[in-house]
PDB file of N, CA and C in Angstrom:
ATOM      1  N   MET A   1     129.611 137.962 142.395  1.00  0.00           N
ATOM      2  CA  MET A   1     128.337 137.643 141.801  1.00  0.00           C
ATOM      3  C   MET A   1     127.205 137.885 142.786  1.00  0.00           C
ATOM      4  N   LEU A   2     127.413 137.439 144.029  1.00  0.00           N
ATOM      5  CA  LEU A   2     126.402 137.628 145.055  1.00  0.00           C
ATOM      6  C   LEU A   2     126.185 139.111 145.326  1.00  0.00           C
ATOM      7  N   LYS A   3     127.258 139.879 145.313  1.00  0.00           N
ATOM      8  CA  LYS A   3     127.153 141.322 145.544  1.00  0.00           C
ATOM      9  C   LYS A   3     126.369 141.983 144.408  1.00  0.00           C
ATOM     10  N   LEU A   4     126.574 141.513 143.183  1.00  0.00           N
ATOM     11  CA  LEU A   4     125.851 142.055 142.033  1.00  0.00           C
ATOM     12  C   LEU A   4     124.343 141.778 142.162  1.00  0.00           C
ATOM     13  N   LEU A   5     123.993 140.559 142.558  1.00  0.00           N
ATOM     14  CA  LEU A   5     122.580 140.232 142.761  1.00  0.00           C
ATOM     15  C   LEU A   5     121.977 141.067 143.885  1.00  0.00           C
ATOM     16  N   PHE A   6     122.730 141.236 144.955  1.00  0.00           N
ATOM     17  CA  PHE A   6     122.257 142.042 146.077  1.00  0.00           C
ATOM     18  C   PHE A   6     122.032 143.492 145.647  1.00  0.00           C
ATOM     19  N   ASP A   7     122.946 144.028 144.858  1.00  0.00           N
ATOM     20  CA  ASP A   7     122.799 145.399 144.358  1.00  0.00           C
ATOM     21  C   ASP A   7     121.602 145.502 143.403  1.00  0.00           C
ATOM     22  N   LEU A   8     121.386 144.441 142.636  1.00  0.00           N
ATOM     23  CA  LEU A   8     120.268 144.448 141.703  1.00  0.00           C
ATOM     24  C   LEU A   8     118.927 144.494 142.451  1.00  0.00           C
ATOM     25  N   PHE A   9     118.818 143.743 143.534  1.00  0.00           N
ATOM     26  CA  PHE A   9     117.585 143.746 144.304  1.00  0.00           C
ATOM     27  C   PHE A   9     117.388 145.061 145.048  1.00  0.00           C
ATOM     28  N   LYS A  10     118.481 145.739 145.333  1.00  0.00           N
ATOM     29  CA  LYS A  10     118.380 147.027 146.010  1.00  0.00           C
ATOM     30  C   LYS A  10     117.949 148.129 145.054  1.00  0.00           C
ATOM     31  N   SER A  11     118.199 147.912 143.789  1.00  0.00           N
ATOM     32  CA  SER A  11     117.927 148.993 142.841  1.00  0.00           C
ATOM     33  C   SER A  11     116.426 149.264 142.756  1.00  0.00           C
ATOM     34  N   GLN A  12     116.103 150.472 142.489  1.00  0.00           N
ATOM     35  CA  GLN A  12     114.715 150.925 142.433  1.00  0.00           C
ATOM     36  C   GLN A  12     114.001 150.388 141.192  1.00  0.00           C
ATOM     37  N   ALA A  13     114.759 150.072 140.149  1.00  0.00           N
ATOM     38  CA  ALA A  13     114.146 149.591 138.911  1.00  0.00           C
ATOM     39  C   ALA A  13     113.413 148.270 139.134  1.00  0.00           C
ATOM     40  N   VAL A  14     114.026 147.358 139.871  1.00  0.00           N
ATOM     41  CA  VAL A  14     113.398 146.067 140.138  1.00  0.00           C
ATOM     42  C   VAL A  14     112.149 146.263 140.981  1.00  0.00           C
ATOM     43  N   VAL A  15     112.239 147.130 141.970  1.00  0.00           N
ATOM     44  CA  VAL A  15     111.090 147.412 142.832  1.00  0.00           C
ATOM     45  C   VAL A  15     109.955 148.013 142.005  1.00  0.00           C
ATOM     46  N   ASP A  16     110.293 148.915 141.093  1.00  0.00           N
ATOM     47  CA  ASP A  16     109.271 149.527 140.243  1.00  0.00           C
ATOM     48  C   ASP A  16     108.604 148.494 139.338  1.00  0.00           C
ATOM     49  N   VAL A  17     109.399 147.594 138.779  1.00  0.00           N
ATOM     50  CA  VAL A  17     108.843 146.561 137.901  1.00  0.00           C
ATOM     51  C   VAL A  17     107.906 145.648 138.682  1.00  0.00           C
ATOM     52  N   VAL A  18     108.323 145.252 139.870  1.00  0.00           N
ATOM     53  CA  VAL A  18     107.482 144.380 140.697  1.00  0.00           C
ATOM     54  C   VAL A  18     106.192 145.110 141.089  1.00  0.00           C
ATOM     55  N   GLN A  19     106.284 146.380 141.439  1.00  0.00           N
ATOM     56  CA  GLN A  19     105.090 147.152 141.782  1.00  0.00           C
ATOM     57  C   GLN A  19     104.153 147.271 140.582  1.00  0.00           C
ATOM     58  N   GLN A  20     104.694 147.513 139.416  1.00  0.00           N
ATOM     59  CA  GLN A  20     103.857 147.640 138.224  1.00  0.00           C
ATOM     60  C   GLN A  20     103.185 146.306 137.880  1.00  0.00           C
ATOM     61  N   LEU A  21     103.945 145.219 138.030  1.00  0.00           N
ATOM     62  CA  LEU A  21     103.371 143.899 137.791  1.00  0.00           C
ATOM     63  C   LEU A  21     102.236 143.615 138.761  1.00  0.00           C
ATOM     64  N   PHE A  22     102.461 143.897 140.020  1.00  0.00           N
ATOM     65  CA  PHE A  22     101.437 143.685 141.036  1.00  0.00           C
ATOM     66  C   PHE A  22     100.222 144.564 140.770  1.00  0.00           C
ATOM     67  N   GLN A  23     100.443 145.816 140.432  1.00  0.00           N
ATOM     68  CA  GLN A  23      99.344 146.747 140.169  1.00  0.00           C
ATOM     69  C   GLN A  23      98.547 146.321 138.939  1.00  0.00           C
ATOM     70  N   SER A  24      99.227 145.842 137.905  1.00  0.00           N
ATOM     71  CA  SER A  24      98.503 145.398 136.704  1.00  0.00           C
ATOM     72  C   SER A  24      97.660 144.158 136.998  1.00  0.00           C
ATOM     73  N   LYS A  25      98.182 143.270 137.857  1.00  0.00           N
ATOM     74  CA  LYS A  25      97.411 142.076 138.232  1.00  0.00           C
ATOM     75  C   LYS A  25      96.180 142.468 139.046  1.00  0.00           C
ATOM     76  N   VAL A  26      96.334 143.411 139.967  1.00  0.00           N
ATOM     77  CA  VAL A  26      95.200 143.891 140.766  1.00  0.00           C
ATOM     78  C   VAL A  26      94.173 144.565 139.864  1.00  0.00           C
ATOM     79  N   ASP A  27      94.630 145.368 138.905  1.00  0.00           N
ATOM     80  CA  ASP A  27      93.709 146.017 137.970  1.00  0.00           C
ATOM     81  C   ASP A  27      92.975 144.990 137.116  1.00  0.00           C
ATOM     82  N   SER A  28      93.678 143.935 136.710  1.00  0.00           N
ATOM     83  CA  SER A  28      93.051 142.871 135.928  1.00  0.00           C
ATOM     84  C   SER A  28      91.961 142.180 136.734  1.00  0.00           C
ATOM     85  N   TRP A  29      92.227 141.868 137.998  1.00  0.00           N
ATOM     86  CA  TRP A  29      91.222 141.249 138.864  1.00  0.00           C
ATOM     87  C   TRP A  29      90.039 142.186 139.063  1.00  0.00           C
ATOM     88  N   ARG A  30      90.323 143.456 139.271  1.00  0.00           N
ATOM     89  CA  ARG A  30      89.266 144.437 139.485  1.00  0.00           C
ATOM     90  C   ARG A  30      88.358 144.535 138.251  1.00  0.00           C
ATOM     91  N   MET A  31      88.950 144.553 137.064  1.00  0.00           N
ATOM     92  CA  MET A  31      88.143 144.626 135.844  1.00  0.00           C
ATOM     93  C   MET A  31      87.305 143.362 135.659  1.00  0.00           C
ATOM     94  N   GLU A  32      87.861 142.218 135.998  1.00  0.00           N
ATOM     95  CA  GLU A  32      87.104 140.976 135.888  1.00  0.00           C
ATOM     96  C   GLU A  32      85.924 140.970 136.850  1.00  0.00           C
ATOM     97  N   ILE A  33      86.129 141.469 138.050  1.00  0.00           N
ATOM     98  CA  ILE A  33      85.039 141.565 139.025  1.00  0.00           C
ATOM     99  C   ILE A  33      83.970 142.525 138.520  1.00  0.00           C
ATOM    100  N   TYR A  34      84.370 143.655 137.957  1.00  0.00           N
ATOM    101  CA  TYR A  34      83.406 144.616 137.416  1.00  0.00           C
ATOM    102  C   TYR A  34      82.610 143.998 136.270  1.00  0.00           C
ATOM    103  N   LYS A  35      83.266 143.233 135.406  1.00  0.00           N
ATOM    104  CA  LYS A  35      82.566 142.598 134.289  1.00  0.00           C
ATOM    105  C   LYS A  35      81.547 141.588 134.792  1.00  0.00           C
ATOM    106  N   LYS A  36      81.945 140.770 135.764  1.00  0.00           N
ATOM    107  CA  LYS A  36      81.017 139.781 136.314  1.00  0.00           C
ATOM    108  C   LYS A  36      79.855 140.463 137.010  1.00  0.00           C
ATOM    109  N   LEU A  37      80.149 141.513 137.760  1.00  0.00           N
ATOM    110  CA  LEU A  37      79.095 142.237 138.458  1.00  0.00           C
ATOM    111  C   LEU A  37      78.139 142.893 137.473  1.00  0.00           C
ATOM    112  N   SER A  38      78.654 143.443 136.408  1.00  0.00           N
ATOM    113  CA  SER A  38      77.780 144.066 135.405  1.00  0.00           C
ATOM    114  C   SER A  38      76.925 143.022 134.700  1.00  0.00           C
ATOM    115  N   ASP A  39      77.460 141.826 134.446  1.00  0.00           N
ATOM    116  CA  ASP A  39      76.653 140.758 133.860  1.00  0.00           C
ATOM    117  C   ASP A  39      75.516 140.350 134.783  1.00  0.00           C
ATOM    118  N   VAL A  40      75.820 140.206 136.067  1.00  0.00           N
ATOM    119  CA  VAL A  40      74.792 139.818 137.031  1.00  0.00           C
ATOM    120  C   VAL A  40      73.728 140.910 137.128  1.00  0.00           C
ATOM    121  N   LEU A  41      74.140 142.173 137.220  1.00  0.00           N
ATOM    122  CA  LEU A  41      73.173 143.264 137.318  1.00  0.00           C
ATOM    123  C   LEU A  41      72.330 143.380 136.054  1.00  0.00           C
ATOM    124  N   ALA A  42      72.929 143.212 134.900  1.00  0.00           N
ATOM    125  CA  ALA A  42      72.165 143.269 133.651  1.00  0.00           C
ATOM    126  C   ALA A  42      71.137 142.141 133.605  1.00  0.00           C
ATOM    127  N   SER A  43      71.524 140.967 134.055  1.00  0.00           N
ATOM    128  CA  SER A  43      70.582 139.845 134.076  1.00  0.00           C
ATOM    129  C   SER A  43      69.450 140.096 135.062  1.00  0.00           C
ATOM    130  N   ILE A  44      69.769 140.655 136.218  1.00  0.00           N
ATOM    131  CA  ILE A  44      68.732 140.953 137.210  1.00  0.00           C
ATOM    132  C   ILE A  44      67.768 141.999 136.669  1.00  0.00           C
ATOM    133  N   ILE A  45      68.279 143.030 136.024  1.00  0.00           N
ATOM    134  CA  ILE A  45      67.416 144.061 135.448  1.00  0.00           C
ATOM    135  C   ILE A  45      66.528 143.463 134.365  1.00  0.00           C
ATOM    136  N   LEU A  46      67.080 142.588 133.538  1.00  0.00           N
ATOM    137  CA  LEU A  46      66.293 141.927 132.499  1.00  0.00           C
ATOM    138  C   LEU A  46      65.188 141.070 133.120  1.00  0.00           C
ATOM    139  N   ILE A  47      65.500 140.356 134.181  1.00  0.00           N
ATOM    140  CA  ILE A  47      64.497 139.534 134.864  1.00  0.00           C
ATOM    141  C   ILE A  47      63.396 140.411 135.446  1.00  0.00           C
ATOM    142  N   ILE A  48      63.763 141.562 136.009  1.00  0.00           N
ATOM    143  CA  ILE A  48      62.763 142.472 136.569  1.00  0.00           C
ATOM    144  C   ILE A  48      61.850 143.002 135.464  1.00  0.00           C
ATOM    145  N   ILE A  49      62.409 143.381 134.332  1.00  0.00           N
ATOM    146  CA  ILE A  49      61.593 143.899 133.221  1.00  0.00           C
ATOM    147  C   ILE A  49      60.659 142.819 132.691  1.00  0.00           C
ATOM    148  N   ILE A  50      61.174 141.626 132.481  1.00  0.00           N
ATOM    149  CA  ILE A  50      60.345 140.528 131.982  1.00  0.00           C
ATOM    150  C   ILE A  50      59.253 140.182 132.999  1.00  0.00           C
ATOM    151  N   SER A  51      59.592 140.192 134.295  1.00  0.00           N
ATOM    152  CA  SER A  51      58.609 139.910 135.336  1.00  0.00           C
ATOM    153  C   SER A  51      57.506 140.961 135.347  1.00  0.00           C
ATOM    154  N   PHE A  52      57.870 142.231 135.174  1.00  0.00           N
ATOM    155  CA  PHE A  52      56.873 143.296 135.139  1.00  0.00           C
ATOM    156  C   PHE A  52      55.921 143.115 133.951  1.00  0.00           C
ATOM    157  N   ILE A  53      56.467 142.803 132.796  1.00  0.00           N
ATOM    158  CA  ILE A  53      55.631 142.580 131.609  1.00  0.00           C
ATOM    159  C   ILE A  53      54.719 141.371 131.825  1.00  0.00           C
ATOM    160  N   PHE A  54      55.267 140.308 132.418  1.00  0.00           N
ATOM    161  CA  PHE A  54      54.467 139.122 132.698  1.00  0.00           C
ATOM    162  C   PHE A  54      53.341 139.442 133.676  1.00  0.00           C
ATOM    163  N   LEU A  55      53.639 140.211 134.714  1.00  0.00           N
ATOM    164  CA  LEU A  55      52.604 140.555 135.693  1.00  0.00           C
ATOM    165  C   LEU A  55      51.513 141.433 135.088  1.00  0.00           C
ATOM    166  N   MET A  56      51.887 142.357 134.211  1.00  0.00           N
ATOM    167  CA  MET A  56      50.883 143.180 133.541  1.00  0.00           C
ATOM    168  C   MET A  56      49.999 142.306 132.640  1.00  0.00           C
ATOM    169  N   MET A  57      50.603 141.365 131.936  1.00  0.00           N
ATOM    170  CA  MET A  57      49.846 140.451 131.095  1.00  0.00           C
ATOM    171  C   MET A  57      48.893 139.619 131.950  1.00  0.00           C
ATOM    172  N   LEU A  58      49.393 139.131 133.075  1.00  0.00           N
ATOM    173  CA  LEU A  58      48.575 138.330 133.978  1.00  0.00           C
ATOM    174  C   LEU A  58      47.418 139.143 134.543  1.00  0.00           C
ATOM    175  N   LEU A  59      47.663 140.398 134.851  1.00  0.00           N
ATOM    176  CA  LEU A  59      46.609 141.272 135.365  1.00  0.00           C
ATOM    177  C   LEU A  59      45.478 141.438 134.348  1.00  0.00           C
ATOM    178  N   PHE A  60      45.835 141.751 133.116  1.00  0.00           N
ATOM    179  CA  PHE A  60      44.806 141.961 132.095  1.00  0.00           C
ATOM    180  C   PHE A  60      44.109 140.655 131.713  1.00  0.00           C
ATOM    181  N   LEU A  61      44.844 139.559 131.665  1.00  0.00           N
ATOM    182  CA  LEU A  61      44.200 138.269 131.407  1.00  0.00           C
ATOM    183  C   LEU A  61      43.250 137.898 132.547  1.00  0.00           C
ATOM    184  N   GLY A  62      43.641 138.228 133.787  1.00  0.00           N
ATOM    185  CA  GLY A  62      42.764 137.976 134.932  1.00  0.00           C
ATOM    186  C   GLY A  62      41.482 138.777 134.844  1.00  0.00           C
ATOM    187  N   PHE A  63      41.599 140.055 134.487  1.00  0.00           N
ATOM    188  CA  PHE A  63      40.397 140.875 134.307  1.00  0.00           C
ATOM    189  C   PHE A  63      39.532 140.331 133.168  1.00  0.00           C
ATOM    190  N   GLY A  64      40.170 139.947 132.067  1.00  0.00           N
ATOM    191  CA  GLY A  64      39.424 139.404 130.940  1.00  0.00           C
ATOM    192  C   GLY A  64      38.682 138.128 131.306  1.00  0.00           C
ATOM    193  N   LEU A  65      39.368 137.226 132.007  1.00  0.00           N
ATOM    194  CA  LEU A  65      38.732 135.989 132.441  1.00  0.00           C
ATOM    195  C   LEU A  65      37.598 136.261 133.423  1.00  0.00           C
ATOM    196  N   SER A  66      37.806 137.223 134.301  1.00  0.00           N
ATOM    197  CA  SER A  66      36.763 137.576 135.265  1.00  0.00           C
ATOM    198  C   SER A  66      35.512 138.086 134.560  1.00  0.00           C
ATOM    199  N   PHE A  67      35.679 138.997 133.627  1.00  0.00           N
ATOM    200  CA  PHE A  67      34.524 139.526 132.896  1.00  0.00           C
ATOM    201  C   PHE A  67      33.849 138.434 132.055  1.00  0.00           C
ATOM    202  N   TYR A  68      34.655 137.560 131.456  1.00  0.00           N
ATOM    203  CA  TYR A  68      34.089 136.463 130.674  1.00  0.00           C
ATOM    204  C   TYR A  68      33.269 135.537 131.569  1.00  0.00           C
ATOM    205  N   LEU A  69      33.822 135.163 132.736  1.00  0.00           N
ATOM    206  CA  LEU A  69      33.080 134.300 133.663  1.00  0.00           C
ATOM    207  C   LEU A  69      31.823 134.989 134.176  1.00  0.00           C
ATOM    208  N   ASN A  70      31.873 136.300 134.356  1.00  0.00           N
ATOM    209  CA  ASN A  70      30.666 137.037 134.765  1.00  0.00           C
ATOM    210  C   ASN A  70      29.572 136.909 133.706  1.00  0.00           C
ATOM    211  N   ILE A  71      29.956 136.992 132.437  1.00  0.00           N
ATOM    212  CA  ILE A  71      28.970 136.865 131.356  1.00  0.00           C
ATOM    213  C   ILE A  71      28.430 135.438 131.300  1.00  0.00           C
ATOM    214  N   VAL A  72      29.332 134.449 131.372  1.00  0.00           N
ATOM    215  CA  VAL A  72      28.910 133.046 131.283  1.00  0.00           C
ATOM    216  C   VAL A  72      28.033 132.662 132.470  1.00  0.00           C
ATOM    217  N   LEU A  73      28.403 133.089 133.661  1.00  0.00           N
ATOM    218  CA  LEU A  73      27.653 132.725 134.875  1.00  0.00           C
ATOM    219  C   LEU A  73      26.486 133.671 135.144  1.00  0.00           C
ATOM    220  N   GLU A  74      26.338 134.677 134.313  1.00  0.00           N
ATOM    221  CA  GLU A  74      25.282 135.680 134.468  1.00  0.00           C
ATOM    222  C   GLU A  74      25.286 136.262 135.883  1.00  0.00           C
ATOM    223  N   SER A  75      26.475 136.693 136.301  1.00  0.00           N
ATOM    224  CA  SER A  75      26.665 137.287 137.623  1.00  0.00           C
ATOM    225  C   SER A  75      27.533 138.521 137.469  1.00  0.00           C
ATOM    226  N   SER A  76      27.399 139.435 138.420  1.00  0.00           N
ATOM    227  CA  SER A  76      28.225 140.648 138.341  1.00  0.00           C
ATOM    228  C   SER A  76      29.492 140.543 139.185  1.00  0.00           C
ATOM    229  N   TYR A  77      29.626 139.484 139.966  1.00  0.00           N
ATOM    230  CA  TYR A  77      30.791 139.391 140.850  1.00  0.00           C
ATOM    231  C   TYR A  77      31.420 138.007 140.909  1.00  0.00           C
ATOM    232  N   LEU A  78      30.710 136.954 140.516  1.00  0.00           N
ATOM    233  CA  LEU A  78      31.194 135.589 140.699  1.00  0.00           C
ATOM    234  C   LEU A  78      32.470 135.304 139.896  1.00  0.00           C
ATOM    235  N   GLY A  79      32.608 135.895 138.729  1.00  0.00           N
ATOM    236  CA  GLY A  79      33.822 135.713 137.932  1.00  0.00           C
ATOM    237  C   GLY A  79      35.047 136.257 138.650  1.00  0.00           C
ATOM    238  N   PHE A  80      34.888 137.420 139.311  1.00  0.00           N
ATOM    239  CA  PHE A  80      36.011 137.999 140.056  1.00  0.00           C
ATOM    240  C   PHE A  80      36.372 137.136 141.268  1.00  0.00           C
ATOM    241  N   VAL A  81      35.367 136.542 141.907  1.00  0.00           N
ATOM    242  CA  VAL A  81      35.634 135.671 143.052  1.00  0.00           C
ATOM    243  C   VAL A  81      36.396 134.424 142.600  1.00  0.00           C
ATOM    244  N   ILE A  82      35.982 133.833 141.504  1.00  0.00           N
ATOM    245  CA  ILE A  82      36.647 132.619 141.009  1.00  0.00           C
ATOM    246  C   ILE A  82      38.095 132.916 140.616  1.00  0.00           C
ATOM    247  N   VAL A  83      38.311 133.991 139.868  1.00  0.00           N
ATOM    248  CA  VAL A  83      39.681 134.346 139.452  1.00  0.00           C
ATOM    249  C   VAL A  83      40.522 134.722 140.675  1.00  0.00           C
ATOM    250  N   GLY A  84      39.923 135.406 141.650  1.00  0.00           N
ATOM    251  CA  GLY A  84      40.635 135.728 142.892  1.00  0.00           C
ATOM    252  C   GLY A  84      41.073 134.476 143.624  1.00  0.00           C
ATOM    253  N   CYS A  85      40.202 133.455 143.660  1.00  0.00           N
ATOM    254  CA  CYS A  85      40.570 132.184 144.296  1.00  0.00           C
ATOM    255  C   CYS A  85      41.694 131.485 143.530  1.00  0.00           C
ATOM    256  N   ILE A  86      41.640 131.555 142.204  1.00  0.00           N
ATOM    257  CA  ILE A  86      42.721 130.962 141.397  1.00  0.00           C
ATOM    258  C   ILE A  86      44.051 131.650 141.707  1.00  0.00           C
ATOM    259  N   PHE A  87      44.028 132.987 141.784  1.00  0.00           N
ATOM    260  CA  PHE A  87      45.257 133.724 142.117  1.00  0.00           C
ATOM    261  C   PHE A  87      45.722 133.421 143.537  1.00  0.00           C
ATOM    262  N   MET A  88      44.777 133.232 144.468  1.00  0.00           N
ATOM    263  CA  MET A  88      45.153 132.927 145.846  1.00  0.00           C
ATOM    264  C   MET A  88      45.821 131.556 145.925  1.00  0.00           C
ATOM    265  N   ILE A  89      45.308 130.582 145.181  1.00  0.00           N
ATOM    266  CA  ILE A  89      45.923 129.252 145.153  1.00  0.00           C
ATOM    267  C   ILE A  89      47.317 129.328 144.526  1.00  0.00           C
ATOM    268  N   ALA A  90      47.454 130.114 143.473  1.00  0.00           N
ATOM    269  CA  ALA A  90      48.773 130.277 142.839  1.00  0.00           C
ATOM    270  C   ALA A  90      49.757 130.932 143.809  1.00  0.00           C
ATOM    271  N   ALA A  91      49.307 131.948 144.550  1.00  0.00           N
ATOM    272  CA  ALA A  91      50.181 132.604 145.539  1.00  0.00           C
ATOM    273  C   ALA A  91      50.562 131.631 146.650  1.00  0.00           C
ATOM    274  N   TRP A  92      49.634 130.781 147.073  1.00  0.00           N
ATOM    275  CA  TRP A  92      49.915 129.796 148.111  1.00  0.00           C
ATOM    276  C   TRP A  92      50.959 128.787 147.622  1.00  0.00           C
ATOM    277  N   LEU A  93      50.828 128.333 146.373  1.00  0.00           N
ATOM    278  CA  LEU A  93      51.816 127.397 145.814  1.00  0.00           C
ATOM    279  C   LEU A  93      53.189 128.050 145.699  1.00  0.00           C
ATOM    280  N   MET A  94      53.216 129.316 145.310  1.00  0.00           N
ATOM    281  CA  MET A  94      54.503 130.021 145.226  1.00  0.00           C
ATOM    282  C   MET A  94      55.130 130.174 146.607  1.00  0.00           C
ATOM    283  N   SER A  95      54.312 130.467 147.625  1.00  0.00           N
ATOM    284  CA  SER A  95      54.881 130.611 148.970  1.00  0.00           C
ATOM    285  C   SER A  95      55.437 129.287 149.477  1.00  0.00           C
ATOM    286  N   LEU A  96      54.779 128.171 149.125  1.00  0.00           N
ATOM    287  CA  LEU A  96      55.325 126.862 149.499  1.00  0.00           C
ATOM    288  C   LEU A  96      56.673 126.610 148.838  1.00  0.00           C
ATOM    289  N   SER A  97      56.772 126.949 147.567  1.00  0.00           N
ATOM    290  CA  SER A  97      58.037 126.718 146.870  1.00  0.00           C
ATOM    291  C   SER A  97      59.129 127.651 147.381  1.00  0.00           C
ATOM    292  N   ILE A  98      58.767 128.849 147.827  1.00  0.00           N
ATOM    293  CA  ILE A  98      59.762 129.753 148.408  1.00  0.00           C
ATOM    294  C   ILE A  98      60.250 129.204 149.739  1.00  0.00           C
ATOM    295  N   ARG A  99      59.329 128.693 150.555  1.00  0.00           N
ATOM    296  CA  ARG A  99      59.726 128.137 151.860  1.00  0.00           C
ATOM    297  C   ARG A  99      60.630 126.921 151.701  1.00  0.00           C
ATOM    298  N   ARG A 100      60.428 126.156 150.657  1.00  0.00           N
ATOM    299  CA  ARG A 100      61.253 124.964 150.443  1.00  0.00           C
ATOM    300  C   ARG A 100      62.581 125.297 149.764  1.00  0.00           C
ATOM    301  N   GLY A 101      62.773 126.542 149.385  1.00  0.00           N
ATOM    302  CA  GLY A 101      64.048 126.952 148.817  1.00  0.00           C
ATOM    303  C   GLY A 101      64.172 126.757 147.321  1.00  0.00           C
ATOM    304  N   TYR A 102      63.053 126.463 146.647  1.00  0.00           N
ATOM    305  CA  TYR A 102      63.118 126.222 145.211  1.00  0.00           C
ATOM    306  C   TYR A 102      63.574 127.464 144.456  1.00  0.00           C
ATOM    307  N   PHE A 103      62.981 128.625 144.757  1.00  0.00           N
ATOM    308  CA  PHE A 103      63.338 129.850 144.039  1.00  0.00           C
ATOM    309  C   PHE A 103      64.752 130.312 144.377  1.00  0.00           C
ATOM    310  N   GLN A 104      65.175 130.138 145.635  1.00  0.00           N
ATOM    311  CA  GLN A 104      66.539 130.508 145.995  1.00  0.00           C
ATOM    312  C   GLN A 104      67.539 129.657 145.230  1.00  0.00           C
ATOM    313  N   HIS A 105      67.233 128.372 145.097  1.00  0.00           N
ATOM    314  CA  HIS A 105      68.129 127.475 144.360  1.00  0.00           C
ATOM    315  C   HIS A 105      68.189 127.869 142.887  1.00  0.00           C
ATOM    316  N   LYS A 106      67.026 128.183 142.303  1.00  0.00           N
ATOM    317  CA  LYS A 106      66.994 128.594 140.894  1.00  0.00           C
ATOM    318  C   LYS A 106      67.765 129.898 140.692  1.00  0.00           C
ATOM    319  N   LEU A 107      67.594 130.865 141.609  1.00  0.00           N
ATOM    320  CA  LEU A 107      68.316 132.129 141.505  1.00  0.00           C
ATOM    321  C   LEU A 107      69.815 131.914 141.667  1.00  0.00           C
ATOM    322  N   TYR A 108      70.195 131.071 142.614  1.00  0.00           N
ATOM    323  CA  TYR A 108      71.608 130.752 142.819  1.00  0.00           C
ATOM    324  C   TYR A 108      72.208 130.125 141.561  1.00  0.00           C
ATOM    325  N   MET A 109      71.470 129.182 140.950  1.00  0.00           N
ATOM    326  CA  MET A 109      71.970 128.529 139.746  1.00  0.00           C
ATOM    327  C   MET A 109      72.043 129.515 138.579  1.00  0.00           C
ATOM    328  N   LEU A 110      71.104 130.468 138.514  1.00  0.00           N
ATOM    329  CA  LEU A 110      71.137 131.478 137.455  1.00  0.00           C
ATOM    330  C   LEU A 110      72.374 132.355 137.579  1.00  0.00           C
ATOM    331  N   VAL A 111      72.637 132.856 138.791  1.00  0.00           N
ATOM    332  CA  VAL A 111      73.796 133.719 139.005  1.00  0.00           C
ATOM    333  C   VAL A 111      75.086 132.932 138.770  1.00  0.00           C
ATOM    334  N   LEU A 112      75.134 131.701 139.247  1.00  0.00           N
ATOM    335  CA  LEU A 112      76.313 130.865 139.036  1.00  0.00           C
ATOM    336  C   LEU A 112      76.537 130.609 137.551  1.00  0.00           C
ATOM    337  N   GLY A 113      75.457 130.380 136.818  1.00  0.00           N
ATOM    338  CA  GLY A 113      75.571 130.173 135.375  1.00  0.00           C
ATOM    339  C   GLY A 113      76.102 131.401 134.664  1.00  0.00           C
ATOM    340  N   ILE A 114      75.654 132.583 135.092  1.00  0.00           N
ATOM    341  CA  ILE A 114      76.134 133.829 134.494  1.00  0.00           C
ATOM    342  C   ILE A 114      77.628 133.995 134.761  1.00  0.00           C
ATOM    343  N   LEU A 115      78.031 133.744 135.988  1.00  0.00           N
ATOM    344  CA  LEU A 115      79.449 133.898 136.338  1.00  0.00           C
ATOM    345  C   LEU A 115      80.311 132.877 135.608  1.00  0.00           C
ATOM    346  N   GLU A 116      79.827 131.643 135.500  1.00  0.00           N
ATOM    347  CA  GLU A 116      80.607 130.626 134.791  1.00  0.00           C
ATOM    348  C   GLU A 116      80.679 130.932 133.307  1.00  0.00           C
ATOM    349  N   LYS A 117      79.580 131.426 132.737  1.00  0.00           N
ATOM    350  CA  LYS A 117      79.580 131.792 131.319  1.00  0.00           C
ATOM    351  C   LYS A 117      80.595 132.896 131.082  1.00  0.00           C
ATOM    352  N   ARG A 118      80.646 133.860 131.989  1.00  0.00           N
ATOM    353  CA  ARG A 118      81.588 134.978 131.863  1.00  0.00           C
ATOM    354  C   ARG A 118      83.017 134.464 131.978  1.00  0.00           C
ATOM    355  N   ALA A 119      83.259 133.546 132.916  1.00  0.00           N
ATOM    356  CA  ALA A 119      84.606 133.001 133.077  1.00  0.00           C
ATOM    357  C   ALA A 119      84.988 132.174 131.852  1.00  0.00           C
ATOM    358  N   HIS A 120      84.030 131.444 131.291  1.00  0.00           N
ATOM    359  CA  HIS A 120      84.305 130.628 130.106  1.00  0.00           C
ATOM    360  C   HIS A 120      84.629 131.517 128.910  1.00  0.00           C
ATOM    361  N   HIS A 121      83.874 132.605 128.725  1.00  0.00           N
ATOM    362  CA  HIS A 121      84.163 133.526 127.620  1.00  0.00           C
ATOM    363  C   HIS A 121      85.499 134.230 127.839  1.00  0.00           C
ATOM    364  N   GLY A 122      85.834 134.516 129.084  1.00  0.00           N
ATOM    365  CA  GLY A 122      87.121 135.148 129.385  1.00  0.00           C
ATOM    366  C   GLY A 122      88.275 134.239 129.045  1.00  0.00           C
ATOM    367  N   ASN A 123      88.117 132.937 129.285  1.00  0.00           N
ATOM    368  CA  ASN A 123      89.174 131.979 128.955  1.00  0.00           C
ATOM    369  C   ASN A 123      89.330 131.850 127.445  1.00  0.00           C
ATOM    370  N   GLU A 124      88.227 131.896 126.696  1.00  0.00           N
ATOM    371  CA  GLU A 124      88.310 131.815 125.242  1.00  0.00           C
ATOM    372  C   GLU A 124      89.033 133.045 124.693  1.00  0.00           C
ATOM    373  N   ASP A 125      88.753 134.220 125.260  1.00  0.00           N
ATOM    374  CA  ASP A 125      89.406 135.446 124.792  1.00  0.00           C
ATOM    375  C   ASP A 125      90.892 135.426 125.078  1.00  0.00           C
ATOM    376  N   SER A 126      91.302 134.835 126.208  1.00  0.00           N
ATOM    377  CA  SER A 126      92.721 134.843 126.550  1.00  0.00           C
ATOM    378  C   SER A 126      93.514 133.836 125.708  1.00  0.00           C
ATOM    379  N   HIS A 127      92.821 132.813 125.141  1.00  0.00           N
ATOM    380  CA  HIS A 127      93.515 131.821 124.318  1.00  0.00           C
ATOM    381  C   HIS A 127      93.703 132.292 122.890  1.00  0.00           C
ATOM    382  N   ARG A 128      93.023 133.347 122.500  1.00  0.00           N
ATOM    383  CA  ARG A 128      93.125 133.828 121.110  1.00  0.00           C
ATOM    384  C   ARG A 128      94.353 134.618 120.881  1.00  0.00           C
TER     385      ARG A 128
END
């Protein structure tokens, strides 16, 4: 019996099966990593597009507010100075929040949420 088991482990068929099993597991991990990476990249691209649209909206609203304040204040430049100061204060507040790690924490939680959502959907698919 022991000799039969020893011969079985020596046979190439068992080695081939183990190699195929190992290779399929590695391929499964690789595909899961690619799926998670594609989810993260798609989310980052979406955030960049939304941020660009928001910045363009903010730019035109800033110009509109500047021209409106120029008309109200009967000045050719004071509206632009006021809106510039508002933007400078907003930039200063954003830099404070960046230094304190608020945006890094939010970005970390966003990426973690994407990865967990992907893992949760993967578990639901495997149970079906």
